[in-house]
Amino acid sequence: MKARLAQLRAYFPVIAFFGGFLWDALTIGRTVAPSDLWILSSYLAGAAGILWWLGHRRHTLAAIVSADGVQITVPSASFLATWWERAPFLLLQFLFGGLFSALFILYFKSSSHLTAVLWSLGLGGLLVANEFIDDKYHRFTITWALFGFCAMLLFNFLLPFMVGSIGMVWFYLSTLAGASLTHWLRKKTPGCPGRAAPVWVIAAMLALAYPLDLIPPVPLVKRDIQVGRNFERVADEYRLTLEKTPWWVFWRELSEEVHLAPGERLYCVSSVFAPGGLSTRLYHRWEHYDAMRGWQTTSRMGFGLSGGRNGGFRGYTYKQEVAPGEWRVHVETENGRTVVTHAFSVVTGAPSEPDREMVRGL
């Protein structure tokens, strides 16, 4: 029995990882609710309290040893003493795991282009790594770095919620706030253990990644984007005529080709979730591929967006006299951050199989 338990113990981190991730995926859902961010804020506050207490405990023991000249040891045979020693680190691991898991899901929801997806996968890597480094948490420099990283990413979500804006200034202020909180907490922790320099290095990396469009435009979340013909608005629904794929393309419902008659309008309708109270302006940037010059922007048209609608807030733009070939539409923020990119090709003439057309509402 003991041997079997010892074997299972090696899989506890993996079980904890998948269990925690599944729980967050089910509870966070498809939108970013204020309650999600307040729960994560409580996780961060709990981790701050544990870090302060660990520093206090180590500083107190060090002071006793310095005063008496006697090394204090805890008997390894005592089950309660062992768990008293390890419990704060296990709880800290749980809180960091919960933060990384939820932040990974939240950032992944906002990721739709390659660099943003890679960023989110990097968070997923930290989530997995956190399950295997609990024995390193006694090194305060590592724990400050993890705490600061979580604080900065969480504040990147929380501040836009509070001020109702996704401007660049709020990203930099929230990043600075997360790093400053970590620096202040370390200074206030008895003994001032570890170093805070890695936290500022992480903050500098985030500051460099933002203008390069490597970080998803949180807290915006892509809902849907479609390109088609015959746009109409019926009640509270936007409708487009789209083309279905042939039956043998079973992994995708809609075709990447759009057939247009000469002079016919081509519409792009996008739906983006934004939290309540957030107002901004989004843009559709239409690009056409030129064999000699590459992707060329043909137009950039904007529309207003106010947050709070669970189904996502929609906007549409259209083009006329669209040249055949490869096209793509980027949904962007005012400062050029990419929310989603939709690629398609335009073919002149009516579709060869009209029965493959369908009307979809957004």
Protein backbone atom coordinates (compact mmCIF):
# COMPACT_ATOMS: atom_id res chain seq x y z
CA MET A 1 0.00 0.00 0.00
CA LYS A 2 2.80 2.41 0.92
CA ALA A 3 4.63 1.60 -2.32
CA ARG A 4 1.50 2.36 -4.36
CA LEU A 5 0.98 5.65 -2.56
CA ALA A 6 4.60 6.55 -3.23
CA GLN A 7 4.07 5.89 -6.94
CA LEU A 8 0.90 8.01 -7.02
CA ARG A 9 2.66 10.82 -5.23
CA ALA A 10 4.82 11.41 -8.31
CA TYR A 11 1.65 12.15 -10.31
CA PHE A 12 0.13 14.57 -7.80
CA PRO A 13 1.50 17.67 -9.61
CA VAL A 14 0.01 16.52 -12.93
CA ILE A 15 -3.35 15.72 -11.27
CA ALA A 16 -3.33 19.10 -9.55
CA PHE A 17 -2.49 20.85 -12.82
CA PHE A 18 -5.29 19.32 -14.88
CA GLY A 19 -7.78 19.51 -12.02
CA GLY A 20 -7.11 23.19 -11.39
CA PHE A 21 -7.09 24.04 -15.07
CA LEU A 22 -10.41 22.24 -15.65
CA TRP A 23 -11.98 24.03 -12.68
CA ASP A 24 -10.88 27.44 -13.96
CA ALA A 25 -12.03 26.66 -17.51
CA LEU A 26 -15.50 25.77 -16.21
CA THR A 27 -15.87 28.59 -13.69
CA ILE A 28 -14.37 31.44 -15.71
CA GLY A 29 -16.52 30.60 -18.73
CA ARG A 30 -16.52 32.47 -22.04
CA THR A 31 -16.54 36.02 -20.72
CA VAL A 32 -14.41 38.02 -18.31
CA ALA A 33 -16.65 38.82 -15.34
CA PRO A 34 -15.70 41.29 -12.59
CA SER A 35 -16.13 38.48 -10.05
CA ASP A 36 -13.33 36.54 -11.79
CA LEU A 37 -10.91 39.40 -11.26
CA TRP A 38 -11.93 39.95 -7.64
CA ILE A 39 -11.40 36.24 -6.90
CA LEU A 40 -7.94 36.42 -8.50
CA SER A 41 -7.22 39.56 -6.50
CA SER A 42 -7.99 37.61 -3.32
CA TYR A 43 -5.52 34.92 -4.48
CA LEU A 44 -2.86 37.60 -4.93
CA ALA A 45 -3.64 39.09 -1.50
CA GLY A 46 -3.39 35.63 0.06
CA ALA A 47 0.00 35.03 -1.59
CA ALA A 48 1.18 38.43 -0.30
CA GLY A 49 0.18 37.52 3.24
CA ILE A 50 1.97 34.17 3.09
CA LEU A 51 5.15 35.74 1.72
CA TRP A 52 5.15 38.31 4.50
CA TRP A 53 4.60 35.58 7.13
CA LEU A 54 7.36 33.38 5.70
CA GLY A 55 9.74 36.32 5.83
CA HIS A 56 8.63 37.08 9.39
CA ARG A 57 9.14 33.43 10.44
CA ARG A 58 12.61 33.24 8.95
CA HIS A 59 13.63 36.61 10.39
CA THR A 60 12.41 35.60 13.87
CA LEU A 61 14.28 32.29 13.82
CA ALA A 62 17.42 34.00 12.56
CA ALA A 63 17.19 36.54 15.40
CA ILE A 64 16.84 33.74 17.99
CA VAL A 65 19.82 31.85 16.59
CA SER A 66 21.87 35.05 16.50
CA ALA A 67 21.00 35.85 20.10
CA ASP A 68 21.45 32.38 21.63
CA GLY A 69 24.01 30.95 19.25
CA VAL A 70 21.96 27.74 19.06
CA GLN A 71 20.64 26.29 15.82
CA ILE A 72 16.92 25.46 16.08
CA THR A 73 15.86 22.26 14.38
CA VAL A 74 12.50 20.61 13.96
CA PRO A 75 12.39 16.82 14.45
CA SER A 76 11.82 15.18 11.07
CA ALA A 77 9.81 12.39 12.67
CA SER A 78 7.07 14.78 13.75
CA PHE A 79 4.27 14.70 11.18
CA LEU A 80 2.69 17.93 12.45
CA ALA A 81 6.01 19.73 12.57
CA THR A 82 6.80 18.68 9.00
CA TRP A 83 3.46 19.93 7.70
CA TRP A 84 3.78 23.14 9.70
CA GLU A 85 7.03 23.71 7.87
CA ARG A 86 5.71 22.82 4.39
CA ALA A 87 2.09 24.00 4.54
CA PRO A 88 2.80 27.68 3.69
CA PHE A 89 4.80 26.64 0.60
CA LEU A 90 2.08 24.24 -0.55
CA LEU A 91 -0.57 26.93 -0.08
CA LEU A 92 1.61 29.42 -1.95
CA GLN A 93 1.96 26.91 -4.79
CA PHE A 94 -1.82 26.49 -4.87
CA LEU A 95 -2.40 30.26 -5.05
CA PHE A 96 0.22 30.79 -7.77
CA GLY A 97 -1.23 27.81 -9.67
CA GLY A 98 -4.72 29.31 -9.47
CA LEU A 99 -3.44 32.67 -10.70
CA PHE A 100 -1.42 31.22 -13.59
CA SER A 101 -4.26 28.91 -14.61
CA ALA A 102 -6.88 31.68 -14.70
CA LEU A 103 -4.54 34.21 -16.34
CA PHE A 104 -3.61 31.64 -18.99
CA ILE A 105 -7.30 31.12 -19.81
CA LEU A 106 -8.06 34.85 -19.81
CA TYR A 107 -5.10 35.71 -22.05
CA PHE A 108 -5.79 32.75 -24.34
CA LYS A 109 -9.34 34.05 -24.87
CA SER A 110 -7.88 37.35 -26.06
CA SER A 111 -5.29 35.69 -28.34
CA SER A 112 -6.05 35.25 -32.01
CA HIS A 113 -2.82 35.91 -33.89
CA LEU A 114 0.37 33.86 -33.72
CA THR A 115 2.53 36.02 -31.45
CA ALA A 116 -0.29 36.47 -28.94
CA VAL A 117 -0.96 32.72 -28.94
CA LEU A 118 2.74 32.05 -28.30
CA TRP A 119 2.59 34.50 -25.39
CA SER A 120 -0.37 32.64 -23.92
CA LEU A 121 1.36 29.29 -24.38
CA GLY A 122 4.31 30.72 -22.45
CA LEU A 123 1.91 31.37 -19.57
CA GLY A 124 0.74 27.78 -19.91
CA GLY A 125 4.36 26.65 -19.59
CA LEU A 126 4.70 28.61 -16.34
CA LEU A 127 1.48 27.00 -15.13
CA VAL A 128 2.94 23.53 -15.67
CA ALA A 129 6.33 24.49 -14.21
CA ASN A 130 4.68 25.84 -11.07
CA GLU A 131 3.45 22.34 -10.21
CA PHE A 132 7.06 21.07 -9.96
CA ILE A 133 8.98 23.87 -8.21
CA ASP A 134 7.39 23.87 -4.77
CA ASP A 135 10.77 22.89 -3.31
CA LYS A 136 12.21 26.19 -4.67
CA TYR A 137 9.70 28.48 -2.96
CA HIS A 138 11.98 28.96 0.05
CA ARG A 139 14.18 31.01 -2.29
CA PHE A 140 12.52 34.40 -1.94
CA THR A 141 13.94 35.85 -5.16
CA ILE A 142 12.00 33.23 -7.15
CA THR A 143 8.79 33.76 -5.20
CA TRP A 144 9.01 37.55 -5.57
CA ALA A 145 9.47 37.13 -9.32
CA LEU A 146 6.41 34.84 -9.56
CA PHE A 147 4.36 37.14 -7.36
CA GLY A 148 5.36 40.24 -9.33
CA PHE A 149 4.62 38.59 -12.68
CA CYS A 150 1.16 37.54 -11.49
CA ALA A 151 0.50 41.02 -10.06
CA MET A 152 1.44 42.76 -13.31
CA LEU A 153 -0.66 40.48 -15.52
CA LEU A 154 -3.64 40.70 -13.19
CA PHE A 155 -3.43 44.49 -12.99
CA ASN A 156 -3.29 44.60 -16.82
CA PHE A 157 -6.83 43.21 -16.67
CA LEU A 158 -8.04 44.95 -13.53
CA LEU A 159 -7.12 48.55 -14.31
CA PRO A 160 -8.96 48.70 -17.70
CA PHE A 161 -12.02 47.30 -15.89
CA MET A 162 -11.82 50.07 -13.30
CA VAL A 163 -11.18 53.03 -15.62
CA GLY A 164 -13.18 51.81 -18.63
CA SER A 165 -10.34 52.24 -21.12
CA ILE A 166 -7.75 50.09 -22.88
CA GLY A 167 -5.36 52.90 -23.74
CA MET A 168 -1.62 52.29 -23.77
CA VAL A 169 -1.10 54.44 -20.70
CA TRP A 170 -3.20 52.09 -18.56
CA PHE A 171 -1.11 49.09 -19.59
CA TYR A 172 2.11 50.79 -18.54
CA LEU A 173 0.59 52.12 -15.32
CA SER A 174 -0.80 48.69 -14.39
CA THR A 175 2.57 47.05 -15.12
CA LEU A 176 4.33 49.66 -12.98
CA ALA A 177 1.74 49.15 -10.22
CA GLY A 178 2.35 45.37 -10.13
CA ALA A 179 6.13 45.78 -9.95
CA SER A 180 5.87 48.56 -7.36
CA LEU A 181 3.53 46.51 -5.17
CA THR A 182 6.03 43.63 -5.16
CA HIS A 183 8.93 45.96 -4.39
CA TRP A 184 6.98 47.62 -1.54
CA LEU A 185 5.87 44.27 -0.08
CA ARG A 186 9.45 42.97 -0.05
CA LYS A 187 10.59 46.14 1.75
CA LYS A 188 7.85 45.70 4.35
CA THR A 189 8.59 42.00 4.91
CA PRO A 190 10.74 41.44 8.02
CA GLY A 191 14.35 40.85 7.05
CA CYS A 192 13.68 42.08 3.48
CA PRO A 193 14.48 38.60 2.08
CA GLY A 194 15.49 37.87 -1.50
CA ARG A 195 15.87 40.38 -4.31
CA ALA A 196 13.32 42.36 -6.33
CA ALA A 197 15.56 43.05 -9.34
CA PRO A 198 14.07 40.19 -11.46
CA VAL A 199 10.62 41.77 -11.03
CA TRP A 200 11.79 44.97 -12.68
CA VAL A 201 13.42 42.96 -15.47
CA ILE A 202 10.07 41.26 -16.12
CA ALA A 203 8.34 44.66 -16.11
CA ALA A 204 10.82 45.97 -18.68
CA MET A 205 10.21 42.92 -20.89
CA LEU A 206 6.44 43.49 -20.74
CA ALA A 207 6.97 47.16 -21.62
CA LEU A 208 8.97 46.15 -24.70
CA ALA A 209 6.53 43.41 -25.74
CA TYR A 210 3.46 45.67 -25.69
CA PRO A 211 4.28 47.96 -28.68
CA LEU A 212 5.43 44.91 -30.67
CA ASP A 213 1.85 43.50 -30.43
CA LEU A 214 3.10 40.40 -28.61
CA ILE A 215 0.62 40.72 -25.73
CA PRO A 216 -3.11 40.14 -26.39
CA PRO A 217 -5.28 43.30 -26.12
CA VAL A 218 -6.82 42.35 -22.79
CA PRO A 219 -9.55 42.61 -21.59
CA LEU A 220 -11.11 42.44 -25.08
CA VAL A 221 -12.15 38.92 -26.14
CA LYS A 222 -12.90 37.89 -29.71
CA ARG A 223 -16.40 36.46 -30.21
CA ASP A 224 -16.80 36.00 -33.95
CA ILE A 225 -15.81 37.50 -37.29
CA GLN A 226 -17.30 36.73 -40.70
CA VAL A 227 -16.98 38.08 -44.24
CA GLY A 228 -19.89 37.70 -46.65
CA ARG A 229 -22.57 39.26 -48.86
CA ASN A 230 -26.11 40.59 -48.52
CA PHE A 231 -25.78 42.23 -45.11
CA GLU A 232 -29.01 43.05 -43.31
CA ARG A 233 -30.07 43.86 -39.78
CA VAL A 234 -33.14 42.05 -38.48
CA ALA A 235 -34.22 43.09 -34.97
CA ASP A 236 -31.05 42.68 -32.85
CA GLU A 237 -29.27 40.40 -35.32
CA TYR A 238 -26.77 41.10 -38.08
CA ARG A 239 -27.16 38.65 -40.97
CA LEU A 240 -24.74 37.72 -43.74
CA THR A 241 -24.82 35.29 -46.65
CA LEU A 242 -21.88 32.91 -46.27
CA GLU A 243 -20.61 29.91 -48.20
CA LYS A 244 -20.26 26.44 -46.72
CA THR A 245 -17.36 24.13 -47.40
CA PRO A 246 -17.77 20.97 -49.51
CA TRP A 247 -18.84 17.89 -47.58
CA TRP A 248 -15.35 16.40 -47.58
CA VAL A 249 -13.90 19.41 -45.69
CA PHE A 250 -15.43 18.09 -42.48
CA TRP A 251 -13.15 20.00 -40.09
CA ARG A 252 -14.47 23.44 -41.13
CA GLU A 253 -18.05 24.59 -41.71
CA LEU A 254 -17.49 27.79 -43.70
CA SER A 255 -15.47 28.21 -46.86
CA GLU A 256 -12.49 30.56 -47.03
CA GLU A 257 -13.64 31.64 -50.52
CA VAL A 258 -16.17 34.42 -51.17
CA HIS A 259 -17.78 34.69 -54.62
CA LEU A 260 -18.67 38.24 -55.63
CA ALA A 261 -20.40 39.66 -58.68
CA PRO A 262 -18.77 42.78 -60.22
CA GLY A 263 -19.64 45.82 -58.12
CA GLU A 264 -21.18 43.77 -55.29
CA ARG A 265 -20.44 44.82 -51.72
CA LEU A 266 -18.36 42.65 -49.39
CA TYR A 267 -19.12 43.02 -45.68
CA CYS A 268 -17.09 42.19 -42.59
CA VAL A 269 -18.96 41.81 -39.29
CA SER A 270 -17.02 41.29 -36.05
CA SER A 271 -18.18 40.64 -32.51
CA VAL A 272 -15.94 41.44 -29.53
CA PHE A 273 -16.65 41.04 -25.83
CA ALA A 274 -15.75 44.01 -23.63
CA PRO A 275 -16.47 44.34 -19.91
CA GLY A 276 -19.19 46.64 -18.64
CA GLY A 277 -18.20 50.29 -18.45
CA LEU A 278 -15.44 49.98 -21.05
CA SER A 279 -15.80 52.22 -24.12
CA THR A 280 -13.36 52.31 -26.99
CA ARG A 281 -13.17 52.40 -30.77
CA LEU A 282 -12.22 49.44 -32.94
CA TYR A 283 -11.07 49.37 -36.56
CA HIS A 284 -11.30 47.00 -39.51
CA ARG A 285 -8.08 47.15 -41.49
CA TRP A 286 -8.60 45.59 -44.93
CA GLU A 287 -5.49 44.23 -46.64
CA HIS A 288 -4.98 42.79 -50.12
CA TYR A 289 -2.02 40.62 -51.09
CA ASP A 290 0.07 41.91 -53.99
CA ALA A 291 2.54 39.48 -55.51
CA MET A 292 5.14 42.23 -55.93
CA ARG A 293 4.64 44.28 -52.73
CA GLY A 294 3.13 41.80 -50.26
CA TRP A 295 0.21 42.74 -48.01
CA GLN A 296 -1.12 46.23 -48.76
CA THR A 297 -3.62 48.14 -46.62
CA THR A 298 -6.54 49.34 -48.74
CA SER A 299 -8.64 50.92 -45.98
CA ARG A 300 -8.96 51.28 -42.20
CA MET A 301 -12.48 52.00 -40.98
CA GLY A 302 -13.55 52.42 -37.37
CA PHE A 303 -16.65 52.00 -35.21
CA GLY A 304 -17.46 52.63 -31.56
CA LEU A 305 -17.76 49.90 -28.92
CA SER A 306 -19.26 50.03 -25.42
CA GLY A 307 -18.80 47.06 -23.13
CA GLY A 308 -21.16 44.97 -21.04
CA ARG A 309 -23.08 42.88 -23.58
CA ASN A 310 -22.47 39.15 -23.00
CA GLY A 311 -23.01 38.30 -26.65
CA GLY A 312 -20.27 40.67 -27.69
CA PHE A 313 -20.49 44.10 -29.28
CA ARG A 314 -20.64 44.12 -33.03
CA GLY A 315 -19.46 46.40 -35.77
CA TYR A 316 -19.34 46.13 -39.53
CA THR A 317 -17.60 47.69 -42.50
CA TYR A 318 -17.84 47.02 -46.21
CA LYS A 319 -15.94 47.42 -49.45
CA GLN A 320 -17.13 47.68 -53.04
CA GLU A 321 -15.33 46.84 -56.28
CA VAL A 322 -13.22 44.28 -54.45
CA ALA A 323 -10.36 42.86 -56.51
CA PRO A 324 -10.06 39.06 -56.68
CA GLY A 325 -7.26 37.40 -54.75
CA GLU A 326 -6.09 36.97 -51.16
CA TRP A 327 -7.52 39.27 -48.50
CA ARG A 328 -7.50 39.62 -44.74
CA VAL A 329 -9.20 41.87 -42.22
CA HIS A 330 -7.58 42.83 -38.92
CA VAL A 331 -9.79 43.95 -36.06
CA GLU A 332 -7.61 46.46 -34.21
CA THR A 333 -7.72 48.84 -31.28
CA GLU A 334 -7.10 52.56 -31.72
CA ASN A 335 -3.38 52.12 -31.07
CA GLY A 336 -3.03 49.23 -33.54
CA ARG A 337 -3.25 46.25 -31.16
CA THR A 338 -4.63 43.21 -33.01
CA VAL A 339 -7.81 41.66 -31.59
CA VAL A 340 -8.35 39.11 -34.38
CA THR A 341 -7.32 38.50 -38.00
CA HIS A 342 -9.58 36.86 -40.59
CA ALA A 343 -8.08 35.66 -43.90
CA PHE A 344 -10.10 34.78 -47.02
CA SER A 345 -9.97 34.85 -50.81
CA VAL A 346 -12.28 36.63 -53.23
CA VAL A 347 -13.40 34.96 -56.46
CA THR A 348 -15.23 36.88 -59.18
CA GLY A 349 -18.56 35.41 -60.24
CA ALA A 350 -21.42 33.47 -58.71
CA PRO A 351 -20.69 30.31 -56.65
CA SER A 352 -20.77 27.10 -58.67
CA GLU A 353 -23.00 25.46 -56.06
CA PRO A 354 -25.63 27.97 -54.83
CA ASP A 355 -27.08 25.36 -52.48
CA ARG A 356 -23.91 25.70 -50.37
CA GLU A 357 -24.89 29.23 -49.36
CA MET A 358 -26.25 29.91 -45.90
CA VAL A 359 -27.47 32.91 -43.91
CA ARG A 360 -25.90 33.35 -40.49
CA GLY A 361 -26.74 35.82 -37.77
CA LEU A 362 -24.24 37.46 -35.44
